[in-house]
Amino acid sequence: MTTRESKTICSEPGQAWEMVWNELRHAGITKGYVGPVDGEIRWGENAAVAIQRLQESKLPSSNVNNIGLLLQAALHGAELFWRPEDLAVGSPKGEFVQS
């Protein structure tokens, strides 16, 4: 099993937003592109609009870091949840672990 190393602490808001874009790239969402597209939904465009509006709100870099960590957790959790080898084994995906 491999793990991705991610920078989790950024001192400047610009660096923190780059970390957010880096995490989105793992899902195929890249700065400057509208895709991936699902029907009428342009996920890249939606992400760009959301990030622009969040940047305009002048969040401190620590809050932007938290957004990046949340994305990281969601994306990596989804990767683990939907691993093809787990689906082939037939593990029940409807059971969730509570903390």
PDB file of N, CA and C in Angstrom:
ATOM      1  N   MET A   1       0.848  -1.182   0.000  1.00  0.00           N
ATOM      2  CA  MET A   1       0.000   0.000   0.000  1.00  0.00           C
ATOM      3  C   MET A   1       0.883   1.232   0.000  1.00  0.00           C
ATOM      4  N   THR A   2       0.580   2.166  -0.866  1.00  0.00           N
ATOM      5  CA  THR A   2       1.362   3.392  -0.921  1.00  0.00           C
ATOM      6  C   THR A   2       0.536   4.537  -0.375  1.00  0.00           C
ATOM      7  N   THR A   3       1.226   5.513   0.137  1.00  0.00           N
ATOM      8  CA  THR A   3       0.552   6.711   0.638  1.00  0.00           C
ATOM      9  C   THR A   3       1.140   7.910  -0.059  1.00  0.00           C
ATOM     10  N   ARG A   4       0.344   8.925  -0.202  1.00  0.00           N
ATOM     11  CA  ARG A   4       0.809  10.179  -0.793  1.00  0.00           C
ATOM     12  C   ARG A   4       1.257  11.101   0.316  1.00  0.00           C
ATOM     13  N   GLU A   5       2.391  11.706   0.101  1.00  0.00           N
ATOM     14  CA  GLU A   5       2.845  12.703   1.061  1.00  0.00           C
ATOM     15  C   GLU A   5       2.322  14.051   0.600  1.00  0.00           C
ATOM     16  N   SER A   6       1.671  14.767   1.477  1.00  0.00           N
ATOM     17  CA  SER A   6       1.142  16.078   1.148  1.00  0.00           C
ATOM     18  C   SER A   6       1.628  17.086   2.159  1.00  0.00           C
ATOM     19  N   LYS A   7       1.925  18.250   1.655  1.00  0.00           N
ATOM     20  CA  LYS A   7       2.298  19.338   2.534  1.00  0.00           C
ATOM     21  C   LYS A   7       1.023  19.817   3.215  1.00  0.00           C
ATOM     22  N   THR A   8       1.020  19.832   4.534  1.00  0.00           N
ATOM     23  CA  THR A   8      -0.216  20.164   5.232  1.00  0.00           C
ATOM     24  C   THR A   8      -0.199  21.552   5.853  1.00  0.00           C
ATOM     25  N   ILE A   9       0.958  22.169   5.961  1.00  0.00           N
ATOM     26  CA  ILE A   9       1.025  23.497   6.564  1.00  0.00           C
ATOM     27  C   ILE A   9       1.595  24.476   5.546  1.00  0.00           C
ATOM     28  N   CYS A  10       0.862  25.513   5.256  1.00  0.00           N
ATOM     29  CA  CYS A  10       1.315  26.556   4.337  1.00  0.00           C
ATOM     30  C   CYS A  10       1.184  27.891   5.057  1.00  0.00           C
ATOM     31  N   SER A  11       2.207  28.717   4.923  1.00  0.00           N
ATOM     32  CA  SER A  11       2.187  29.980   5.655  1.00  0.00           C
ATOM     33  C   SER A  11       1.530  31.106   4.869  1.00  0.00           C
ATOM     34  N   GLU A  12       1.464  30.988   3.565  1.00  0.00           N
ATOM     35  CA  GLU A  12       0.883  32.033   2.730  1.00  0.00           C
ATOM     36  C   GLU A  12      -0.410  31.534   2.106  1.00  0.00           C
ATOM     37  N   PRO A  13      -1.404  32.416   1.978  1.00  0.00           N
ATOM     38  CA  PRO A  13      -2.662  31.979   1.348  1.00  0.00           C
ATOM     39  C   PRO A  13      -2.460  31.424  -0.058  1.00  0.00           C
ATOM     40  N   GLY A  14      -1.564  32.008  -0.847  1.00  0.00           N
ATOM     41  CA  GLY A  14      -1.317  31.505  -2.203  1.00  0.00           C
ATOM     42  C   GLY A  14      -0.827  30.073  -2.195  1.00  0.00           C
ATOM     43  N   GLN A  15       0.082  29.773  -1.278  1.00  0.00           N
ATOM     44  CA  GLN A  15       0.579  28.397  -1.148  1.00  0.00           C
ATOM     45  C   GLN A  15      -0.550  27.459  -0.736  1.00  0.00           C
ATOM     46  N   ALA A  16      -1.373  27.915   0.177  1.00  0.00           N
ATOM     47  CA  ALA A  16      -2.471  27.082   0.664  1.00  0.00           C
ATOM     48  C   ALA A  16      -3.464  26.793  -0.463  1.00  0.00           C
ATOM     49  N   TRP A  17      -3.764  27.808  -1.301  1.00  0.00           N
ATOM     50  CA  TRP A  17      -4.688  27.569  -2.410  1.00  0.00           C
ATOM     51  C   TRP A  17      -4.080  26.625  -3.432  1.00  0.00           C
ATOM     52  N   GLU A  18      -2.768  26.668  -3.620  1.00  0.00           N
ATOM     53  CA  GLU A  18      -2.111  25.718  -4.519  1.00  0.00           C
ATOM     54  C   GLU A  18      -2.257  24.289  -3.980  1.00  0.00           C
ATOM     55  N   MET A  19      -2.200  24.147  -2.646  1.00  0.00           N
ATOM     56  CA  MET A  19      -2.402  22.833  -2.044  1.00  0.00           C
ATOM     57  C   MET A  19      -3.823  22.335  -2.345  1.00  0.00           C
ATOM     58  N   VAL A  20      -4.800  23.232  -2.282  1.00  0.00           N
ATOM     59  CA  VAL A  20      -6.188  22.860  -2.594  1.00  0.00           C
ATOM     60  C   VAL A  20      -6.281  22.384  -4.045  1.00  0.00           C
ATOM     61  N   TRP A  21      -5.690  23.158  -4.978  1.00  0.00           N
ATOM     62  CA  TRP A  21      -5.714  22.753  -6.392  1.00  0.00           C
ATOM     63  C   TRP A  21      -4.986  21.437  -6.595  1.00  0.00           C
ATOM     64  N   ASN A  22      -3.900  21.224  -5.878  1.00  0.00           N
ATOM     65  CA  ASN A  22      -3.162  19.975  -5.985  1.00  0.00           C
ATOM     66  C   ASN A  22      -4.041  18.794  -5.580  1.00  0.00           C
ATOM     67  N   GLU A  23      -4.800  18.943  -4.517  1.00  0.00           N
ATOM     68  CA  GLU A  23      -5.703  17.870  -4.091  1.00  0.00           C
ATOM     69  C   GLU A  23      -6.796  17.635  -5.127  1.00  0.00           C
ATOM     70  N   LEU A  24      -7.341  18.705  -5.692  1.00  0.00           N
ATOM     71  CA  LEU A  24      -8.384  18.549  -6.705  1.00  0.00           C
ATOM     72  C   LEU A  24      -7.860  17.844  -7.953  1.00  0.00           C
ATOM     73  N   ARG A  25      -6.580  18.041  -8.243  1.00  0.00           N
ATOM     74  CA  ARG A  25      -5.975  17.410  -9.413  1.00  0.00           C
ATOM     75  C   ARG A  25      -6.073  15.883  -9.321  1.00  0.00           C
ATOM     76  N   HIS A  26      -6.062  15.336  -8.107  1.00  0.00           N
ATOM     77  CA  HIS A  26      -6.191  13.888  -7.930  1.00  0.00           C
ATOM     78  C   HIS A  26      -7.542  13.380  -8.429  1.00  0.00           C
ATOM     79  N   ALA A  27      -8.518  14.268  -8.526  1.00  0.00           N
ATOM     80  CA  ALA A  27      -9.843  13.887  -9.033  1.00  0.00           C
ATOM     81  C   ALA A  27     -10.046  14.351 -10.475  1.00  0.00           C
ATOM     82  N   GLY A  28      -8.956  14.790 -11.127  1.00  0.00           N
ATOM     83  CA  GLY A  28      -9.052  15.226 -12.515  1.00  0.00           C
ATOM     84  C   GLY A  28      -9.513  16.657 -12.675  1.00  0.00           C
ATOM     85  N   ILE A  29      -9.556  17.411 -11.596  1.00  0.00           N
ATOM     86  CA  ILE A  29      -9.969  18.821 -11.648  1.00  0.00           C
ATOM     87  C   ILE A  29      -8.704  19.670 -11.632  1.00  0.00           C
ATOM     88  N   THR A  30      -8.472  20.376 -12.748  1.00  0.00           N
ATOM     89  CA  THR A  30      -7.244  21.139 -12.914  1.00  0.00           C
ATOM     90  C   THR A  30      -7.576  22.606 -13.164  1.00  0.00           C
ATOM     91  N   LYS A  31      -6.781  23.476 -12.557  1.00  0.00           N
ATOM     92  CA  LYS A  31      -6.980  24.916 -12.717  1.00  0.00           C
ATOM     93  C   LYS A  31      -6.942  25.287 -14.198  1.00  0.00           C
ATOM     94  N   GLY A  32      -7.945  26.050 -14.637  1.00  0.00           N
ATOM     95  CA  GLY A  32      -7.994  26.510 -16.018  1.00  0.00           C
ATOM     96  C   GLY A  32      -8.785  25.620 -16.966  1.00  0.00           C
ATOM     97  N   TYR A  33      -9.292  24.492 -16.476  1.00  0.00           N
ATOM     98  CA  TYR A  33     -10.070  23.576 -17.317  1.00  0.00           C
ATOM     99  C   TYR A  33     -11.459  23.385 -16.723  1.00  0.00           C
ATOM    100  N   VAL A  34     -12.461  23.188 -17.595  1.00  0.00           N
ATOM    101  CA  VAL A  34     -13.832  23.047 -17.108  1.00  0.00           C
ATOM    102  C   VAL A  34     -14.142  21.627 -16.650  1.00  0.00           C
ATOM    103  N   GLY A  35     -13.402  20.647 -17.123  1.00  0.00           N
ATOM    104  CA  GLY A  35     -13.701  19.245 -16.841  1.00  0.00           C
ATOM    105  C   GLY A  35     -13.151  18.775 -15.527  1.00  0.00           C
ATOM    106  N   PRO A  36     -13.508  17.591 -15.130  1.00  0.00           N
ATOM    107  CA  PRO A  36     -14.362  16.637 -15.820  1.00  0.00           C
ATOM    108  C   PRO A  36     -15.818  17.107 -15.877  1.00  0.00           C
ATOM    109  N   VAL A  37     -16.524  16.582 -16.866  1.00  0.00           N
ATOM    110  CA  VAL A  37     -17.913  16.973 -17.103  1.00  0.00           C
ATOM    111  C   VAL A  37     -18.791  15.747 -16.916  1.00  0.00           C
ATOM    112  N   ASP A  38     -19.909  15.941 -16.207  1.00  0.00           N
ATOM    113  CA  ASP A  38     -20.889  14.884 -16.004  1.00  0.00           C
ATOM    114  C   ASP A  38     -22.249  15.465 -16.347  1.00  0.00           C
ATOM    115  N   GLY A  39     -22.726  15.177 -17.555  1.00  0.00           N
ATOM    116  CA  GLY A  39     -23.978  15.783 -18.012  1.00  0.00           C
ATOM    117  C   GLY A  39     -23.771  17.275 -18.187  1.00  0.00           C
ATOM    118  N   GLU A  40     -24.530  18.050 -17.465  1.00  0.00           N
ATOM    119  CA  GLU A  40     -24.422  19.506 -17.526  1.00  0.00           C
ATOM    120  C   GLU A  40     -23.476  20.078 -16.474  1.00  0.00           C
ATOM    121  N   ILE A  41     -22.951  19.219 -15.619  1.00  0.00           N
ATOM    122  CA  ILE A  41     -22.104  19.683 -14.512  1.00  0.00           C
ATOM    123  C   ILE A  41     -20.652  19.703 -14.960  1.00  0.00           C
ATOM    124  N   ARG A  42     -20.048  20.883 -14.859  1.00  0.00           N
ATOM    125  CA  ARG A  42     -18.628  21.062 -15.186  1.00  0.00           C
ATOM    126  C   ARG A  42     -17.880  21.219 -13.871  1.00  0.00           C
ATOM    127  N   TRP A  43     -17.342  20.109 -13.358  1.00  0.00           N
ATOM    128  CA  TRP A  43     -16.752  20.095 -12.026  1.00  0.00           C
ATOM    129  C   TRP A  43     -15.557  21.030 -11.897  1.00  0.00           C
ATOM    130  N   GLY A  44     -14.727  21.124 -12.915  1.00  0.00           N
ATOM    131  CA  GLY A  44     -13.575  22.023 -12.863  1.00  0.00           C
ATOM    132  C   GLY A  44     -13.998  23.483 -12.799  1.00  0.00           C
ATOM    133  N   GLU A  45     -14.996  23.824 -13.587  1.00  0.00           N
ATOM    134  CA  GLU A  45     -15.521  25.192 -13.575  1.00  0.00           C
ATOM    135  C   GLU A  45     -16.154  25.513 -12.227  1.00  0.00           C
ATOM    136  N   ASN A  46     -16.913  24.568 -11.682  1.00  0.00           N
ATOM    137  CA  ASN A  46     -17.519  24.775 -10.363  1.00  0.00           C
ATOM    138  C   ASN A  46     -16.447  24.999  -9.304  1.00  0.00           C
ATOM    139  N   ALA A  47     -15.382  24.208  -9.364  1.00  0.00           N
ATOM    140  CA  ALA A  47     -14.295  24.355  -8.395  1.00  0.00           C
ATOM    141  C   ALA A  47     -13.633  25.715  -8.528  1.00  0.00           C
ATOM    142  N   ALA A  48     -13.394  26.156  -9.759  1.00  0.00           N
ATOM    143  CA  ALA A  48     -12.737  27.443  -9.982  1.00  0.00           C
ATOM    144  C   ALA A  48     -13.572  28.597  -9.439  1.00  0.00           C
ATOM    145  N   VAL A  49     -14.882  28.548  -9.673  1.00  0.00           N
ATOM    146  CA  VAL A  49     -15.776  29.600  -9.165  1.00  0.00           C
ATOM    147  C   VAL A  49     -15.777  29.597  -7.636  1.00  0.00           C
ATOM    148  N   ALA A  50     -15.880  28.415  -7.043  1.00  0.00           N
ATOM    149  CA  ALA A  50     -15.894  28.325  -5.580  1.00  0.00           C
ATOM    150  C   ALA A  50     -14.592  28.836  -4.985  1.00  0.00           C
ATOM    151  N   ILE A  51     -13.463  28.451  -5.575  1.00  0.00           N
ATOM    152  CA  ILE A  51     -12.172  28.901  -5.057  1.00  0.00           C
ATOM    153  C   ILE A  51     -12.019  30.404  -5.222  1.00  0.00           C
ATOM    154  N   GLN A  52     -12.446  30.942  -6.358  1.00  0.00           N
ATOM    155  CA  GLN A  52     -12.364  32.394  -6.562  1.00  0.00           C
ATOM    156  C   GLN A  52     -13.166  33.136  -5.495  1.00  0.00           C
ATOM    157  N   ARG A  53     -14.365  32.668  -5.221  1.00  0.00           N
ATOM    158  CA  ARG A  53     -15.208  33.330  -4.209  1.00  0.00           C
ATOM    159  C   ARG A  53     -14.613  33.184  -2.810  1.00  0.00           C
ATOM    160  N   LEU A  54     -14.042  32.033  -2.521  1.00  0.00           N
ATOM    161  CA  LEU A  54     -13.387  31.856  -1.218  1.00  0.00           C
ATOM    162  C   LEU A  54     -12.142  32.739  -1.105  1.00  0.00           C
ATOM    163  N   GLN A  55     -11.386  32.878  -2.191  1.00  0.00           N
ATOM    164  CA  GLN A  55     -10.219  33.748  -2.171  1.00  0.00           C
ATOM    165  C   GLN A  55     -10.630  35.197  -1.934  1.00  0.00           C
ATOM    166  N   GLU A  56     -11.733  35.605  -2.533  1.00  0.00           N
ATOM    167  CA  GLU A  56     -12.227  36.974  -2.345  1.00  0.00           C
ATOM    168  C   GLU A  56     -12.641  37.227  -0.904  1.00  0.00           C
ATOM    169  N   SER A  57     -12.971  36.178  -0.174  1.00  0.00           N
ATOM    170  CA  SER A  57     -13.367  36.343   1.225  1.00  0.00           C
ATOM    171  C   SER A  57     -12.157  36.527   2.139  1.00  0.00           C
ATOM    172  N   LYS A  58     -10.946  36.414   1.579  1.00  0.00           N
ATOM    173  CA  LYS A  58      -9.692  36.676   2.309  1.00  0.00           C
ATOM    174  C   LYS A  58      -9.550  35.794   3.554  1.00  0.00           C
ATOM    175  N   LEU A  59      -9.797  34.505   3.377  1.00  0.00           N
ATOM    176  CA  LEU A  59      -9.619  33.573   4.487  1.00  0.00           C
ATOM    177  C   LEU A  59      -8.155  33.522   4.905  1.00  0.00           C
ATOM    178  N   PRO A  60      -7.891  33.380   6.188  1.00  0.00           N
ATOM    179  CA  PRO A  60      -6.501  33.173   6.628  1.00  0.00           C
ATOM    180  C   PRO A  60      -5.979  31.850   6.065  1.00  0.00           C
ATOM    181  N   SER A  61      -4.662  31.783   5.859  1.00  0.00           N
ATOM    182  CA  SER A  61      -4.087  30.574   5.257  1.00  0.00           C
ATOM    183  C   SER A  61      -4.378  29.329   6.093  1.00  0.00           C
ATOM    184  N   SER A  62      -4.511  29.474   7.399  1.00  0.00           N
ATOM    185  CA  SER A  62      -4.817  28.296   8.230  1.00  0.00           C
ATOM    186  C   SER A  62      -6.194  27.739   7.883  1.00  0.00           C
ATOM    187  N   ASN A  63      -7.150  28.595   7.565  1.00  0.00           N
ATOM    188  CA  ASN A  63      -8.480  28.120   7.158  1.00  0.00           C
ATOM    189  C   ASN A  63      -8.428  27.471   5.777  1.00  0.00           C
ATOM    190  N   VAL A  64      -7.607  28.042   4.881  1.00  0.00           N
ATOM    191  CA  VAL A  64      -7.451  27.446   3.553  1.00  0.00           C
ATOM    192  C   VAL A  64      -6.809  26.071   3.691  1.00  0.00           C
ATOM    193  N   ASN A  65      -5.834  25.960   4.593  1.00  0.00           N
ATOM    194  CA  ASN A  65      -5.219  24.649   4.853  1.00  0.00           C
ATOM    195  C   ASN A  65      -6.272  23.641   5.273  1.00  0.00           C
ATOM    196  N   ASN A  66      -7.194  24.065   6.121  1.00  0.00           N
ATOM    197  CA  ASN A  66      -8.251  23.158   6.574  1.00  0.00           C
ATOM    198  C   ASN A  66      -9.144  22.718   5.419  1.00  0.00           C
ATOM    199  N   ILE A  67      -9.402  23.618   4.477  1.00  0.00           N
ATOM    200  CA  ILE A  67     -10.174  23.253   3.285  1.00  0.00           C
ATOM    201  C   ILE A  67      -9.403  22.195   2.498  1.00  0.00           C
ATOM    202  N   GLY A  68      -8.096  22.413   2.352  1.00  0.00           N
ATOM    203  CA  GLY A  68      -7.262  21.438   1.647  1.00  0.00           C
ATOM    204  C   GLY A  68      -7.250  20.089   2.329  1.00  0.00           C
ATOM    205  N   LEU A  69      -7.156  20.095   3.651  1.00  0.00           N
ATOM    206  CA  LEU A  69      -7.164  18.830   4.395  1.00  0.00           C
ATOM    207  C   LEU A  69      -8.507  18.124   4.272  1.00  0.00           C
ATOM    208  N   LEU A  70      -9.591  18.893   4.255  1.00  0.00           N
ATOM    209  CA  LEU A  70     -10.915  18.310   4.075  1.00  0.00           C
ATOM    210  C   LEU A  70     -11.030  17.657   2.703  1.00  0.00           C
ATOM    211  N   LEU A  71     -10.561  18.360   1.662  1.00  0.00           N
ATOM    212  CA  LEU A  71     -10.566  17.775   0.325  1.00  0.00           C
ATOM    213  C   LEU A  71      -9.718  16.514   0.270  1.00  0.00           C
ATOM    214  N   GLN A  72      -8.546  16.599   0.891  1.00  0.00           N
ATOM    215  CA  GLN A  72      -7.640  15.462   0.921  1.00  0.00           C
ATOM    216  C   GLN A  72      -8.319  14.251   1.561  1.00  0.00           C
ATOM    217  N   ALA A  73      -8.956  14.469   2.689  1.00  0.00           N
ATOM    218  CA  ALA A  73      -9.633  13.377   3.388  1.00  0.00           C
ATOM    219  C   ALA A  73     -10.766  12.799   2.539  1.00  0.00           C
ATOM    220  N   ALA A  74     -11.561  13.673   1.916  1.00  0.00           N
ATOM    221  CA  ALA A  74     -12.689  13.206   1.106  1.00  0.00           C
ATOM    222  C   ALA A  74     -12.211  12.423  -0.113  1.00  0.00           C
ATOM    223  N   LEU A  75     -11.225  12.951  -0.812  1.00  0.00           N
ATOM    224  CA  LEU A  75     -10.749  12.292  -2.024  1.00  0.00           C
ATOM    225  C   LEU A  75     -10.064  10.966  -1.723  1.00  0.00           C
ATOM    226  N   HIS A  76      -9.199  10.968  -0.726  1.00  0.00           N
ATOM    227  CA  HIS A  76      -8.478   9.741  -0.399  1.00  0.00           C
ATOM    228  C   HIS A  76      -9.413   8.713   0.229  1.00  0.00           C
ATOM    229  N   GLY A  77     -10.362   9.184   1.012  1.00  0.00           N
ATOM    230  CA  GLY A  77     -11.364   8.273   1.563  1.00  0.00           C
ATOM    231  C   GLY A  77     -12.194   7.634   0.464  1.00  0.00           C
ATOM    232  N   ALA A  78     -12.579   8.429  -0.536  1.00  0.00           N
ATOM    233  CA  ALA A  78     -13.347   7.891  -1.665  1.00  0.00           C
ATOM    234  C   ALA A  78     -12.524   6.884  -2.456  1.00  0.00           C
ATOM    235  N   GLU A  79     -11.229   7.174  -2.625  1.00  0.00           N
ATOM    236  CA  GLU A  79     -10.362   6.217  -3.327  1.00  0.00           C
ATOM    237  C   GLU A  79     -10.331   4.880  -2.598  1.00  0.00           C
ATOM    238  N   LEU A  80     -10.207   4.930  -1.287  1.00  0.00           N
ATOM    239  CA  LEU A  80     -10.190   3.694  -0.511  1.00  0.00           C
ATOM    240  C   LEU A  80     -11.538   2.993  -0.543  1.00  0.00           C
ATOM    241  N   PHE A  81     -12.596   3.770  -0.418  1.00  0.00           N
ATOM    242  CA  PHE A  81     -13.949   3.213  -0.382  1.00  0.00           C
ATOM    243  C   PHE A  81     -14.299   2.503  -1.680  1.00  0.00           C
ATOM    244  N   TRP A  82     -13.866   3.067  -2.802  1.00  0.00           N
ATOM    245  CA  TRP A  82     -14.241   2.529  -4.106  1.00  0.00           C
ATOM    246  C   TRP A  82     -13.108   1.792  -4.805  1.00  0.00           C
ATOM    247  N   ARG A  83     -12.137   1.268  -4.052  1.00  0.00           N
ATOM    248  CA  ARG A  83     -11.049   0.493  -4.659  1.00  0.00           C
ATOM    249  C   ARG A  83     -11.620  -0.681  -5.432  1.00  0.00           C
ATOM    250  N   PRO A  84     -11.154  -0.883  -6.662  1.00  0.00           N
ATOM    251  CA  PRO A  84     -11.675  -2.002  -7.464  1.00  0.00           C
ATOM    252  C   PRO A  84     -11.489  -3.363  -6.795  1.00  0.00           C
ATOM    253  N   GLU A  85     -10.379  -3.564  -6.094  1.00  0.00           N
ATOM    254  CA  GLU A  85     -10.177  -4.871  -5.466  1.00  0.00           C
ATOM    255  C   GLU A  85     -11.199  -5.130  -4.363  1.00  0.00           C
ATOM    256  N   ASP A  86     -11.640  -4.074  -3.677  1.00  0.00           N
ATOM    257  CA  ASP A  86     -12.666  -4.252  -2.655  1.00  0.00           C
ATOM    258  C   ASP A  86     -14.026  -4.539  -3.279  1.00  0.00           C
ATOM    259  N   LEU A  87     -14.298  -3.906  -4.414  1.00  0.00           N
ATOM    260  CA  LEU A  87     -15.576  -4.137  -5.080  1.00  0.00           C
ATOM    261  C   LEU A  87     -15.651  -5.555  -5.618  1.00  0.00           C
ATOM    262  N   ALA A  88     -14.516  -6.061  -6.105  1.00  0.00           N
ATOM    263  CA  ALA A  88     -14.497  -7.420  -6.641  1.00  0.00           C
ATOM    264  C   ALA A  88     -14.737  -8.456  -5.542  1.00  0.00           C
ATOM    265  N   VAL A  89     -14.221  -8.193  -4.354  1.00  0.00           N
ATOM    266  CA  VAL A  89     -14.401  -9.110  -3.235  1.00  0.00           C
ATOM    267  C   VAL A  89     -15.852  -9.094  -2.779  1.00  0.00           C
ATOM    268  N   GLY A  90     -16.553  -7.992  -3.031  1.00  0.00           N
ATOM    269  CA  GLY A  90     -17.954  -7.903  -2.658  1.00  0.00           C
ATOM    270  C   GLY A  90     -18.174  -7.383  -1.250  1.00  0.00           C
ATOM    271  N   SER A  91     -17.222  -6.582  -0.748  1.00  0.00           N
ATOM    272  CA  SER A  91     -17.403  -6.035   0.589  1.00  0.00           C
ATOM    273  C   SER A  91     -18.597  -5.096   0.603  1.00  0.00           C
ATOM    274  N   PRO A  92     -19.375  -5.120   1.656  1.00  0.00           N
ATOM    275  CA  PRO A  92     -20.576  -4.264   1.717  1.00  0.00           C
ATOM    276  C   PRO A  92     -20.187  -2.803   1.851  1.00  0.00           C
ATOM    277  N   LYS A  93     -20.559  -2.000   0.861  1.00  0.00           N
ATOM    278  CA  LYS A  93     -20.215  -0.577   0.875  1.00  0.00           C
ATOM    279  C   LYS A  93     -21.254   0.242   1.639  1.00  0.00           C
ATOM    280  N   GLY A  94     -22.321  -0.375   2.054  1.00  0.00           N
ATOM    281  CA  GLY A  94     -23.339   0.346   2.788  1.00  0.00           C
ATOM    282  C   GLY A  94     -23.067   0.452   4.275  1.00  0.00           C
ATOM    283  N   GLU A  95     -22.037  -0.238   4.762  1.00  0.00           N
ATOM    284  CA  GLU A  95     -21.713  -0.186   6.184  1.00  0.00           C
ATOM    285  C   GLU A  95     -20.615   0.831   6.414  1.00  0.00           C
ATOM    286  N   PHE A  96     -20.876   1.783   7.251  1.00  0.00           N
ATOM    287  CA  PHE A  96     -19.902   2.839   7.527  1.00  0.00           C
ATOM    288  C   PHE A  96     -19.391   2.702   8.963  1.00  0.00           C
ATOM    289  N   VAL A  97     -18.171   3.109   9.127  1.00  0.00           N
ATOM    290  CA  VAL A  97     -17.537   3.062  10.437  1.00  0.00           C
ATOM    291  C   VAL A  97     -17.830   4.362  11.172  1.00  0.00           C
ATOM    292  N   GLN A  98     -18.323   4.269  12.384  1.00  0.00           N
ATOM    293  CA  GLN A  98     -18.549   5.458  13.193  1.00  0.00           C
ATOM    294  C   GLN A  98     -17.396   5.624  14.153  1.00  0.00           C
ATOM    295  N   SER A  99     -17.043   6.904  14.386  1.00  0.00           N
ATOM    296  CA  SER A  99     -15.970   7.165  15.344  1.00  0.00           C
ATOM    297  C   SER A  99     -16.533   7.524  16.688  1.00  0.00           C
TER     298      SER A  99
END
